[in-house]
Amino acid sequence: MEIRISTSLVVAFLLSASGSTVRADFIIYDLGPLGSLLQKVAAGGRSMDRTRNDNRIVLQGTAVYQPGGNTVTYTHPNGTKVHFKAGDVEVVKARTAKDEFNKRFAQAGKDPDRLMKAGIWGLKKALLNDFYRVVEKVLDIDPKNDAALLVMNVKERLREPLPENPQAEARFRSLLKRGKEQMRLEKSLHFMLLTDTPATLTKLEKEKGKKKNRAQERLELLEKVYESFILLFHAQDVPLEFPRERMMVVLFNDKEDFKDYSEGLSPTLSSAEGFWHPITNVSYFFDYGSSEQFKVLKTFMDDFQKLKAEARGSKDRDTINYVKVLELIMEVERENSDVSVVTHECCHQMAGNTGLFPRRVDNPRWVHEGLATYFEAPSGGTWAGIGAVSTERLVFYNALASRDKIHSSIEFVASDQIFDQAGGISTNVLLGYAHAWALTHFLIERYPKELAAFYGMIGDVAPDVQLSPELLMQLFMRAFGSDLQALNEDWRSYMRTIKTDLQLLREGAGK
């Protein structure tokens, strides 16, 4: 019995004349009928970054054409190896982030400003060691460079654990006693995490080479977000405060427990996939593998596991390999879901604990959601840096910007009217997130100091003063200037130039 997914994609790169192996950075795989099911999974959270009716998934790793060119053997970074029919995938060899960074680094020469820009580009792509290498070179050239000195000071502080606080830890533990057995506490340099996820690895996880449990993986991701967040602002000479104590995070093993607890805090959190609670200063998450959507997929996969067992008996390699492909995609999508939600909500927590946003002020929605979506990882199974262009956000931005310049203007977004008045009720939120993301992306890339100053002005407003649209625009123009027409044109021009990673990938491959 042959099971395969139909696809219209073709191989982008043919075998070389010698028939030797080809090192490929990306495989684009059309999921076919399975894609429709996975899109339903995506509807339950921010797990997958695809436009509607697009069933493709992009996998980064190593691809090797087997003799004859009919089969591509793909190895995922986690070590999983699967085989694809060559006609079912598009194999794209493109410049890696490391290669692109080295090119920018070399082109910068001995210009401190250009070097710092190259370093910041590497930082956004999670090339932290290369970023530090650039900063050291800048200081060799200009020992008094303010931004570079600030970064090196921050680097030392990032290696120091935040202070222990037994009182805060006791308060933290007390939050999770309601109808729940005591959770265990795990710590990292800057976080403490309460969880009821399994403390030990399963036999299958060990066989796959996993070394860390879910809690340890979550702490590792949180630390990467922490370091990247702190460094991004300091590298642009925007100092932030360091949190005074370890930040608190809860990771539920089961979504139903997460949902019960969330609704106990507020009915408005009933549909949340994760959130930061500013009053308690705690972030709450669940293992996305326990969601209703993934339970549906698990049932679906159980049937395929039976087929796999039967296929072993009949030595049906096509079916065995197909199920292995599905297992890999399931694992990648589960990680995508966790990474996307964690990077988004951890940004809220970081902004509230570093003085970037005032903790006790009801910040405009476009402000806090814009920054969170800028940091949110839109795709990929691992933390992939900062500021990646989300296909979904870009599609919804263009949908309004192309036909309605009034409601897609800076005035409409910065006055915080975009979430409520952008369009029909069903699209308000999506349009709001898209435009908050787009404006923040533009401002943080072009005017980071002015944006930080604007955030500070919001914090300086007296607590009893309402942040009306008129007041928000006064503060915005104080930070960015009064020529909003020119800024609008600059923003629209910028948005026409940004591209998704997949678009950049294809362009790089073409070159």
Protein backbone atom coordinates (compact mmCIF):
# COMPACT_ATOMS: atom_id res chain seq x y z
CA MET A 1 0.00 0.00 0.00
CA GLU A 2 1.57 3.28 -1.11
CA ILE A 3 0.67 6.43 0.79
CA ARG A 4 2.01 9.75 -0.47
CA ILE A 5 1.08 13.38 -0.49
CA SER A 6 0.41 14.93 -3.89
CA THR A 7 2.19 18.18 -4.60
CA SER A 8 2.67 20.72 -7.37
CA LEU A 9 6.15 21.64 -6.17
CA VAL A 10 9.21 20.64 -8.18
CA VAL A 11 12.87 20.23 -7.36
CA ALA A 12 14.54 23.64 -7.56
CA PHE A 13 18.07 22.35 -7.86
CA LEU A 14 19.10 19.45 -10.07
CA LEU A 15 21.91 17.06 -9.37
CA SER A 16 25.32 18.28 -10.36
CA ALA A 17 26.87 16.73 -13.45
CA SER A 18 28.97 14.44 -11.30
CA GLY A 19 25.93 13.20 -9.36
CA SER A 20 27.60 14.07 -6.05
CA THR A 21 25.69 14.95 -2.90
CA VAL A 22 24.25 18.44 -2.54
CA ARG A 23 24.20 20.42 0.69
CA ALA A 24 20.78 22.06 0.96
CA ASP A 25 19.72 24.50 3.63
CA PHE A 26 15.94 24.22 3.23
CA ILE A 27 13.32 21.75 2.10
CA ILE A 28 9.88 23.05 1.13
CA TYR A 29 7.34 20.27 1.50
CA ASP A 30 3.73 20.40 0.42
CA LEU A 31 1.60 18.75 3.09
CA GLY A 32 -1.35 18.17 0.77
CA PRO A 33 -4.48 16.95 2.61
CA LEU A 34 -2.61 16.91 5.91
CA GLY A 35 -2.01 20.63 5.52
CA SER A 36 -5.72 21.38 5.87
CA LEU A 37 -5.80 19.52 9.17
CA LEU A 38 -2.68 21.30 10.41
CA GLN A 39 -4.21 24.66 9.49
CA LYS A 40 -7.06 23.80 11.84
CA VAL A 41 -4.42 23.24 14.49
CA ALA A 42 -2.99 26.65 13.67
CA ALA A 43 -6.41 28.22 14.22
CA GLY A 44 -6.09 27.29 17.90
CA GLY A 45 -2.94 29.38 18.41
CA ARG A 46 -0.06 31.09 16.66
CA SER A 47 1.63 27.87 15.68
CA MET A 48 2.02 28.09 11.93
CA ASP A 49 2.97 30.99 9.71
CA ARG A 50 1.20 30.24 6.45
CA THR A 51 -1.27 32.06 4.28
CA ARG A 52 -4.64 30.46 3.67
CA ASN A 53 -4.71 27.56 1.22
CA ASP A 54 -0.95 27.20 1.47
CA ASN A 55 -0.09 23.75 2.78
CA ARG A 56 3.68 24.09 2.57
CA ILE A 57 6.08 23.73 5.45
CA VAL A 58 9.71 24.83 5.35
CA LEU A 59 12.24 22.58 7.08
CA GLN A 60 15.82 23.67 7.63
CA GLY A 61 18.53 21.06 7.79
CA THR A 62 20.64 18.98 5.41
CA ALA A 63 19.40 17.35 2.20
CA VAL A 64 21.30 14.80 0.14
CA TYR A 65 20.18 13.42 -3.22
CA GLN A 66 20.59 9.68 -3.39
CA PRO A 67 22.07 7.97 -6.49
CA GLY A 68 19.63 8.28 -9.34
CA GLY A 69 18.16 11.53 -8.04
CA ASN A 70 14.72 10.11 -7.19
CA THR A 71 15.07 10.32 -3.42
CA VAL A 72 16.17 13.10 -1.08
CA THR A 73 17.42 12.15 2.37
CA TYR A 74 16.72 14.95 4.84
CA THR A 75 18.32 15.30 8.27
CA HIS A 76 16.67 17.67 10.75
CA PRO A 77 18.91 19.59 13.21
CA ASN A 78 17.57 17.34 16.00
CA GLY A 79 19.09 14.33 14.22
CA THR A 80 15.89 12.84 12.78
CA LYS A 81 16.44 11.45 9.28
CA VAL A 82 13.64 10.90 6.73
CA HIS A 83 13.39 10.30 2.99
CA PHE A 84 11.35 12.28 0.47
CA LYS A 85 10.50 11.51 -3.13
CA ALA A 86 12.35 14.16 -5.10
CA GLY A 87 9.15 15.28 -6.84
CA ASP A 88 7.43 15.93 -3.50
CA VAL A 89 9.84 18.59 -2.29
CA GLU A 90 11.56 21.75 -3.37
CA VAL A 91 15.17 21.75 -2.24
CA VAL A 92 16.65 25.22 -1.85
CA LYS A 93 20.30 25.94 -1.23
CA ALA A 94 20.67 29.49 -0.02
CA ARG A 95 23.09 31.57 1.92
CA THR A 96 22.86 30.75 5.61
CA ALA A 97 22.44 33.42 8.27
CA LYS A 98 26.08 32.81 9.25
CA ASP A 99 27.24 33.35 5.65
CA GLU A 100 25.17 36.52 5.31
CA PHE A 101 26.55 37.81 8.58
CA ASN A 102 30.16 37.17 7.50
CA LYS A 103 29.48 39.08 4.29
CA ARG A 104 28.09 42.08 6.17
CA PHE A 105 30.92 41.91 8.71
CA ALA A 106 33.55 42.00 5.95
CA GLN A 107 31.84 44.83 4.08
CA ALA A 108 31.72 46.97 7.23
CA GLY A 109 35.49 47.21 7.26
CA LYS A 110 36.68 49.46 10.08
CA ASP A 111 33.61 51.68 10.26
CA PRO A 112 32.24 51.39 13.85
CA ASP A 113 28.70 52.36 12.86
CA ARG A 114 28.54 49.85 10.00
CA LEU A 115 30.10 47.20 12.20
CA MET A 116 27.48 47.73 14.91
CA LYS A 117 24.73 47.46 12.30
CA ALA A 118 26.22 44.18 11.08
CA GLY A 119 26.43 42.98 14.68
CA ILE A 120 22.82 43.91 15.40
CA TRP A 121 21.76 42.03 12.27
CA GLY A 122 23.56 38.96 13.60
CA LEU A 123 21.99 39.43 17.03
CA LYS A 124 18.53 39.40 15.48
CA LYS A 125 19.41 36.09 13.82
CA ALA A 126 20.47 34.62 17.19
CA LEU A 127 24.19 34.73 16.30
CA LEU A 128 25.13 35.92 19.77
CA ASN A 129 28.80 34.88 19.69
CA ASP A 130 29.29 36.67 16.38
CA PHE A 131 27.55 39.72 17.76
CA TYR A 132 29.98 39.87 20.67
CA ARG A 133 32.88 39.41 18.24
CA VAL A 134 31.75 42.49 16.31
CA VAL A 135 31.45 44.54 19.49
CA GLU A 136 35.00 43.61 20.48
CA LYS A 137 36.27 44.74 17.06
CA VAL A 138 34.40 48.04 17.43
CA LEU A 139 36.13 48.65 20.75
CA ASP A 140 39.52 47.87 19.18
CA ILE A 141 38.84 50.61 16.64
CA ASP A 142 36.99 53.02 18.96
CA PRO A 143 37.65 52.23 22.65
CA LYS A 144 35.14 54.90 23.73
CA ASN A 145 32.23 53.77 21.58
CA ASP A 146 29.20 54.21 23.86
CA ALA A 147 27.01 51.42 22.47
CA ALA A 148 29.86 48.88 22.40
CA LEU A 149 30.91 49.72 25.97
CA LEU A 150 27.31 49.39 27.09
CA VAL A 151 27.04 45.95 25.47
CA MET A 152 30.23 44.61 27.07
CA ASN A 153 29.02 45.78 30.48
CA VAL A 154 25.70 44.07 29.84
CA LYS A 155 27.45 40.87 28.73
CA GLU A 156 29.09 40.52 32.13
CA ARG A 157 25.83 41.14 33.96
CA LEU A 158 23.99 38.60 31.81
CA ARG A 159 26.29 35.89 33.15
CA GLU A 160 25.35 36.69 36.75
CA PRO A 161 22.31 34.99 38.32
CA LEU A 162 19.61 37.29 39.60
CA PRO A 163 19.36 37.35 43.41
CA GLU A 164 17.46 34.70 45.35
CA ASN A 165 14.36 35.99 47.12
CA PRO A 166 12.77 33.45 49.48
CA GLN A 167 9.78 35.73 50.14
CA ALA A 168 9.05 36.15 46.42
CA GLU A 169 9.48 32.41 45.91
CA ALA A 170 7.00 31.68 48.71
CA ARG A 171 4.46 34.12 47.20
CA PHE A 172 4.99 32.50 43.82
CA ARG A 173 4.33 29.01 45.19
CA SER A 174 1.19 30.20 46.96
CA LEU A 175 -0.38 31.24 43.64
CA LEU A 176 -0.62 27.63 42.45
CA LYS A 177 -2.13 25.96 45.52
CA ARG A 178 -5.75 26.35 44.40
CA GLY A 179 -7.08 22.90 43.59
CA LYS A 180 -3.67 21.80 42.40
CA GLU A 181 -0.98 19.63 43.92
CA GLN A 182 2.21 21.46 44.73
CA MET A 183 4.24 22.01 41.57
CA ARG A 184 7.97 21.57 41.51
CA LEU A 185 10.25 24.59 41.09
CA GLU A 186 13.07 24.72 38.55
CA LYS A 187 15.45 27.67 38.11
CA SER A 188 17.80 29.24 35.61
CA LEU A 189 19.96 32.37 35.87
CA HIS A 190 17.05 34.78 35.43
CA PHE A 191 13.86 32.73 35.78
CA MET A 192 12.10 30.43 38.22
CA LEU A 193 9.52 28.10 36.80
CA LEU A 194 6.71 26.21 38.51
CA THR A 195 5.61 23.16 36.56
CA ASP A 196 3.90 19.80 36.72
CA THR A 197 5.41 18.57 33.44
CA PRO A 198 7.29 15.24 33.72
CA ALA A 199 10.64 15.61 35.46
CA THR A 200 12.16 12.62 33.66
CA LEU A 201 12.39 11.76 29.98
CA THR A 202 10.42 8.92 28.46
CA LYS A 203 12.19 5.97 26.89
CA LEU A 204 11.24 7.23 23.42
CA GLU A 205 12.61 10.71 24.16
CA LYS A 206 15.91 9.20 25.31
CA GLU A 207 16.07 7.07 22.17
CA LYS A 208 15.67 10.24 20.10
CA GLY A 209 18.64 11.75 21.89
CA LYS A 210 16.83 14.31 24.05
CA LYS A 211 18.81 15.49 27.05
CA LYS A 212 16.42 17.98 28.67
CA ASN A 213 12.87 17.70 29.97
CA ARG A 214 10.13 20.13 28.92
CA ALA A 215 10.76 22.48 31.83
CA GLN A 216 14.49 22.67 31.10
CA GLU A 217 13.80 23.30 27.42
CA ARG A 218 11.39 26.08 28.35
CA LEU A 219 13.92 27.73 30.66
CA GLU A 220 16.56 27.56 27.93
CA LEU A 221 14.21 29.31 25.48
CA LEU A 222 13.28 31.96 28.06
CA GLU A 223 16.97 32.69 28.68
CA LYS A 224 17.57 33.20 24.96
CA VAL A 225 14.69 35.64 24.74
CA TYR A 226 15.96 37.41 27.87
CA GLU A 227 19.49 37.87 26.53
CA SER A 228 18.37 38.91 23.05
CA PHE A 229 15.83 41.42 24.41
CA ILE A 230 18.36 43.09 26.72
CA LEU A 231 21.11 43.20 24.08
CA LEU A 232 18.97 44.55 21.24
CA PHE A 233 18.20 47.78 23.07
CA HIS A 234 21.62 48.25 24.65
CA ALA A 235 23.33 47.73 21.27
CA GLN A 236 21.36 50.71 19.98
CA ASP A 237 22.39 52.79 22.99
CA VAL A 238 19.01 52.41 24.70
CA PRO A 239 19.79 51.37 28.31
CA LEU A 240 17.29 49.17 30.13
CA GLU A 241 16.97 48.30 33.79
CA PHE A 242 17.86 44.78 34.84
CA PRO A 243 15.13 42.85 36.66
CA ARG A 244 15.79 42.82 40.40
CA GLU A 245 14.87 39.18 40.92
CA ARG A 246 14.19 36.04 38.93
CA MET A 247 11.11 36.40 36.77
CA MET A 248 8.27 33.96 37.45
CA VAL A 249 6.82 31.55 34.90
CA VAL A 250 4.27 28.74 35.21
CA LEU A 251 4.19 25.83 32.78
CA PHE A 252 1.14 23.56 33.01
CA ASN A 253 1.44 20.05 31.64
CA ASP A 254 -2.23 20.01 30.62
CA LYS A 255 -4.14 22.75 28.79
CA GLU A 256 -7.32 22.09 30.78
CA ASP A 257 -5.51 22.92 34.04
CA PHE A 258 -4.13 26.06 32.38
CA LYS A 259 -7.60 27.02 31.16
CA ASP A 260 -9.24 26.47 34.57
CA TYR A 261 -6.61 28.60 36.27
CA SER A 262 -6.78 31.34 33.60
CA GLU A 263 -10.55 31.64 33.80
CA GLY A 264 -10.23 31.86 37.58
CA LEU A 265 -8.11 34.97 37.09
CA SER A 266 -10.36 36.51 34.45
CA PRO A 267 -13.07 35.30 32.04
CA THR A 268 -11.33 37.30 29.30
CA LEU A 269 -8.46 34.79 29.42
CA SER A 270 -10.66 31.84 28.45
CA SER A 271 -9.21 31.65 24.93
CA ALA A 272 -5.61 32.59 25.81
CA GLU A 273 -2.77 30.38 24.59
CA GLY A 274 -0.43 31.97 27.11
CA PHE A 275 -0.28 35.30 28.94
CA TRP A 276 1.67 37.56 31.25
CA HIS A 277 -0.28 38.81 34.26
CA PRO A 278 1.13 42.28 35.11
CA ILE A 279 -0.35 42.42 38.63
CA THR A 280 1.31 39.20 39.83
CA ASN A 281 4.17 39.61 37.32
CA VAL A 282 3.85 35.95 36.29
CA SER A 283 3.75 34.41 32.80
CA TYR A 284 1.56 31.35 32.29
CA PHE A 285 1.89 28.68 29.60
CA PHE A 286 0.95 25.09 28.90
CA ASP A 287 2.60 22.29 26.94
CA TYR A 288 1.03 22.75 23.52
CA GLY A 289 1.05 18.99 22.99
CA SER A 290 -1.89 18.83 25.43
CA SER A 291 -4.10 21.17 23.37
CA GLU A 292 -7.33 19.98 21.79
CA GLN A 293 -5.85 20.47 18.34
CA PHE A 294 -2.85 18.27 19.03
CA LYS A 295 -5.03 15.65 20.68
CA VAL A 296 -6.93 15.45 17.39
CA LEU A 297 -3.65 15.07 15.55
CA LYS A 298 -2.48 12.44 18.02
CA THR A 299 -5.59 10.36 17.29
CA PHE A 300 -4.89 10.84 13.62
CA MET A 301 -1.27 9.72 14.13
CA ASP A 302 -2.28 6.68 16.19
CA ASP A 303 -4.01 5.32 13.10
CA PHE A 304 -0.89 5.89 11.06
CA GLN A 305 1.23 4.17 13.70
CA LYS A 306 -0.90 1.05 13.14
CA LEU A 307 -0.21 1.34 9.42
CA LYS A 308 3.48 1.70 10.19
CA ALA A 309 3.45 -1.49 12.27
CA GLU A 310 1.68 -3.36 9.48
CA ALA A 311 4.11 -1.95 6.93
CA ARG A 312 7.07 -3.30 8.84
CA GLY A 313 5.66 -6.80 8.44
CA SER A 314 5.23 -6.38 4.70
CA LYS A 315 8.45 -4.36 4.34
CA ASP A 316 6.50 -1.46 2.86
CA ARG A 317 9.22 1.19 3.07
CA ASP A 318 7.12 3.94 1.51
CA THR A 319 4.50 3.75 4.25
CA ILE A 320 7.10 3.46 7.02
CA ASN A 321 8.94 6.52 5.77
CA TYR A 322 5.74 8.51 5.23
CA VAL A 323 4.72 7.99 8.85
CA LYS A 324 8.22 9.04 9.95
CA VAL A 325 7.76 12.25 7.95
CA LEU A 326 4.44 12.91 9.72
CA GLU A 327 6.06 12.24 13.11
CA LEU A 328 8.77 14.79 12.35
CA ILE A 329 6.25 17.40 11.19
CA MET A 330 4.18 16.86 14.33
CA GLU A 331 7.24 17.38 16.49
CA VAL A 332 8.27 20.50 14.58
CA GLU A 333 4.77 22.00 14.72
CA ARG A 334 4.47 21.34 18.44
CA GLU A 335 7.76 23.15 18.99
CA ASN A 336 6.66 25.96 16.64
CA SER A 337 3.57 26.48 18.75
CA ASP A 338 5.50 26.65 22.00
CA VAL A 339 8.20 28.93 20.60
CA SER A 340 5.73 31.35 19.04
CA VAL A 341 3.66 31.81 22.20
CA VAL A 342 6.66 31.96 24.55
CA THR A 343 8.57 34.56 22.53
CA HIS A 344 5.42 36.71 22.35
CA GLU A 345 4.43 36.58 26.02
CA CYS A 346 7.97 36.67 27.39
CA CYS A 347 8.43 39.96 25.53
CA HIS A 348 5.48 41.40 27.48
CA GLN A 349 7.13 40.29 30.72
CA MET A 350 10.55 41.59 29.74
CA ALA A 351 9.17 45.00 28.75
CA GLY A 352 7.40 45.27 32.10
CA ASN A 353 10.47 44.24 34.12
CA THR A 354 13.17 46.32 32.42
CA GLY A 355 11.55 49.74 32.64
CA LEU A 356 10.80 49.83 28.91
CA PHE A 357 7.07 49.79 29.64
CA PRO A 358 5.53 51.06 32.87
CA ARG A 359 4.14 48.14 34.89
CA ARG A 360 1.16 49.90 36.49
CA VAL A 361 -0.07 51.79 33.43
CA ASP A 362 -2.65 50.45 30.98
CA ASN A 363 -0.40 50.70 27.93
CA PRO A 364 -2.01 51.32 24.53
CA ARG A 365 -2.74 48.00 22.90
CA TRP A 366 -0.76 48.74 19.76
CA VAL A 367 2.27 49.51 21.91
CA HIS A 368 2.52 46.29 23.90
CA GLU A 369 1.19 43.99 21.15
CA GLY A 370 3.34 45.64 18.51
CA LEU A 371 6.54 44.97 20.45
CA ALA A 372 5.47 41.42 21.34
CA THR A 373 4.68 40.55 17.72
CA TYR A 374 8.03 42.03 16.64
CA PHE A 375 9.80 39.58 18.98
CA GLU A 376 7.41 36.72 18.25
CA ALA A 377 8.98 33.87 16.28
CA PRO A 378 6.62 33.34 13.32
CA SER A 379 8.06 30.05 12.12
CA GLY A 380 10.76 27.48 12.69
CA GLY A 381 11.15 24.86 15.36
CA THR A 382 13.82 26.70 17.33
CA TRP A 383 14.42 30.24 18.54
CA ALA A 384 15.37 32.02 15.33
CA GLY A 385 16.05 35.56 16.47
CA ILE A 386 14.17 38.84 16.41
CA GLY A 387 12.16 40.76 13.85
CA ALA A 388 11.45 37.97 11.36
CA VAL A 389 8.74 38.95 8.90
CA SER A 390 5.49 37.09 9.54
CA THR A 391 3.60 36.08 6.41
CA GLU A 392 0.26 36.32 8.24
CA ARG A 393 0.96 39.79 9.65
CA LEU A 394 2.22 41.05 6.29
CA VAL A 395 -0.83 39.72 4.42
CA PHE A 396 -3.26 41.44 6.78
CA TYR A 397 -1.25 44.67 6.75
CA ASN A 398 -1.28 44.77 2.94
CA ALA A 399 -4.98 43.87 2.82
CA LEU A 400 -5.90 47.16 4.53
CA ALA A 401 -2.98 49.37 3.45
CA SER A 402 -3.64 48.69 -0.23
CA ARG A 403 -7.24 49.94 -0.11
CA ASP A 404 -7.66 52.23 2.89
CA LYS A 405 -4.92 54.74 3.64
CA ILE A 406 -6.94 56.48 6.35
CA HIS A 407 -7.41 53.45 8.59
CA SER A 408 -3.91 52.13 7.87
CA SER A 409 -2.21 55.44 8.70
CA ILE A 410 0.17 56.19 11.55
CA GLU A 411 -2.43 58.51 13.07
CA PHE A 412 -4.98 55.70 13.25
CA VAL A 413 -2.55 53.14 14.67
CA ALA A 414 -0.59 55.35 17.08
CA SER A 415 -3.83 56.75 18.54
CA ASP A 416 -4.74 53.11 19.34
CA GLN A 417 -7.94 53.04 17.30
CA ILE A 418 -6.78 50.29 14.94
CA PHE A 419 -8.02 47.32 17.01
CA ASP A 420 -11.58 48.60 17.29
CA GLN A 421 -12.35 50.46 14.10
CA ALA A 422 -10.23 49.00 11.30
CA GLY A 423 -12.86 46.87 9.57
CA GLY A 424 -15.52 44.25 10.16
CA ILE A 425 -15.77 42.70 13.61
CA SER A 426 -14.23 39.41 12.50
CA THR A 427 -11.12 41.10 11.12
CA ASN A 428 -10.54 43.90 13.63
CA VAL A 429 -8.14 41.94 15.81
CA LEU A 430 -6.13 40.50 12.91
CA LEU A 431 -5.84 43.90 11.26
CA GLY A 432 -4.94 45.43 14.61
CA TYR A 433 -2.15 42.98 15.31
CA ALA A 434 -0.84 43.32 11.76
CA HIS A 435 -0.63 47.12 11.87
CA ALA A 436 0.75 47.22 15.42
CA TRP A 437 3.43 44.79 14.25
CA ALA A 438 4.12 46.72 11.05
CA LEU A 439 4.46 50.13 12.74
CA THR A 440 6.64 48.73 15.54
CA HIS A 441 8.81 46.89 13.00
CA PHE A 442 9.37 50.16 11.13
CA LEU A 443 10.03 52.29 14.20
CA ILE A 444 12.34 49.87 15.98
CA GLU A 445 14.39 49.39 12.80
CA ARG A 446 14.60 53.09 11.89
CA TYR A 447 13.99 55.07 15.10
CA PRO A 448 14.81 52.89 18.15
CA LYS A 449 15.79 55.76 20.46
CA GLU A 450 12.70 57.79 19.60
CA LEU A 451 10.50 54.74 20.14
CA ALA A 452 12.04 54.10 23.58
CA ALA A 453 11.49 57.79 24.41
CA PHE A 454 7.83 57.48 23.38
CA TYR A 455 7.42 54.45 25.65
CA GLY A 456 8.93 56.51 28.48
CA MET A 457 6.52 59.39 27.88
CA ILE A 458 3.58 57.02 28.29
CA GLY A 459 5.01 55.94 31.62
CA ASP A 460 5.32 59.55 32.75
CA VAL A 461 1.60 60.20 32.32
CA ALA A 462 -0.17 60.43 35.69
CA PRO A 463 -2.14 57.23 36.54
CA ASP A 464 -5.43 59.13 36.74
CA VAL A 465 -5.05 60.65 33.26
CA GLN A 466 -6.76 58.78 30.43
CA LEU A 467 -4.57 57.98 27.44
CA SER A 468 -7.02 59.36 24.89
CA PRO A 469 -6.29 59.23 21.13
CA GLU A 470 -5.53 62.96 21.23
CA LEU A 471 -3.02 62.62 24.07
CA LEU A 472 -1.35 59.61 22.45
CA MET A 473 -0.83 61.58 19.24
CA GLN A 474 0.62 64.52 21.17
CA LEU A 475 3.16 62.20 22.80
CA PHE A 476 3.89 60.45 19.52
CA MET A 477 4.62 63.71 17.70
CA ARG A 478 6.77 64.88 20.60
CA ALA A 479 8.91 61.78 20.08
CA PHE A 480 8.90 61.50 16.28
CA GLY A 481 8.17 65.02 15.06
CA SER A 482 5.05 66.69 13.74
CA ASP A 483 5.49 65.86 10.03
CA LEU A 484 3.25 62.80 10.06
CA GLN A 485 2.73 62.89 6.30
CA ALA A 486 6.44 62.37 5.68
CA LEU A 487 6.60 59.66 8.35
CA ASN A 488 3.59 57.91 6.81
CA GLU A 489 5.25 57.90 3.40
CA ASP A 490 8.46 56.61 4.94
CA TRP A 491 6.56 53.81 6.72
CA ARG A 492 4.69 52.74 3.57
CA SER A 493 7.89 52.76 1.57
CA TYR A 494 9.61 50.64 4.25
CA MET A 495 6.77 48.10 4.29
CA ARG A 496 7.09 47.66 0.51
CA THR A 497 10.70 46.57 0.99
CA ILE A 498 10.38 43.99 3.76
CA LYS A 499 10.13 40.35 2.79
CA THR A 500 9.46 37.06 4.48
CA ASP A 501 12.27 34.58 5.06
CA LEU A 502 10.84 32.37 2.31
CA GLN A 503 10.93 35.25 -0.17
CA LEU A 504 14.49 36.09 0.80
CA LEU A 505 15.37 32.43 0.56
CA ARG A 506 14.13 32.20 -3.02
CA GLU A 507 15.93 35.40 -4.00
CA GLY A 508 19.17 34.15 -2.44
CA ALA A 509 18.81 30.84 -4.25
CA GLY A 510 18.23 32.66 -7.53
CA LYS A 511 21.47 34.58 -7.08
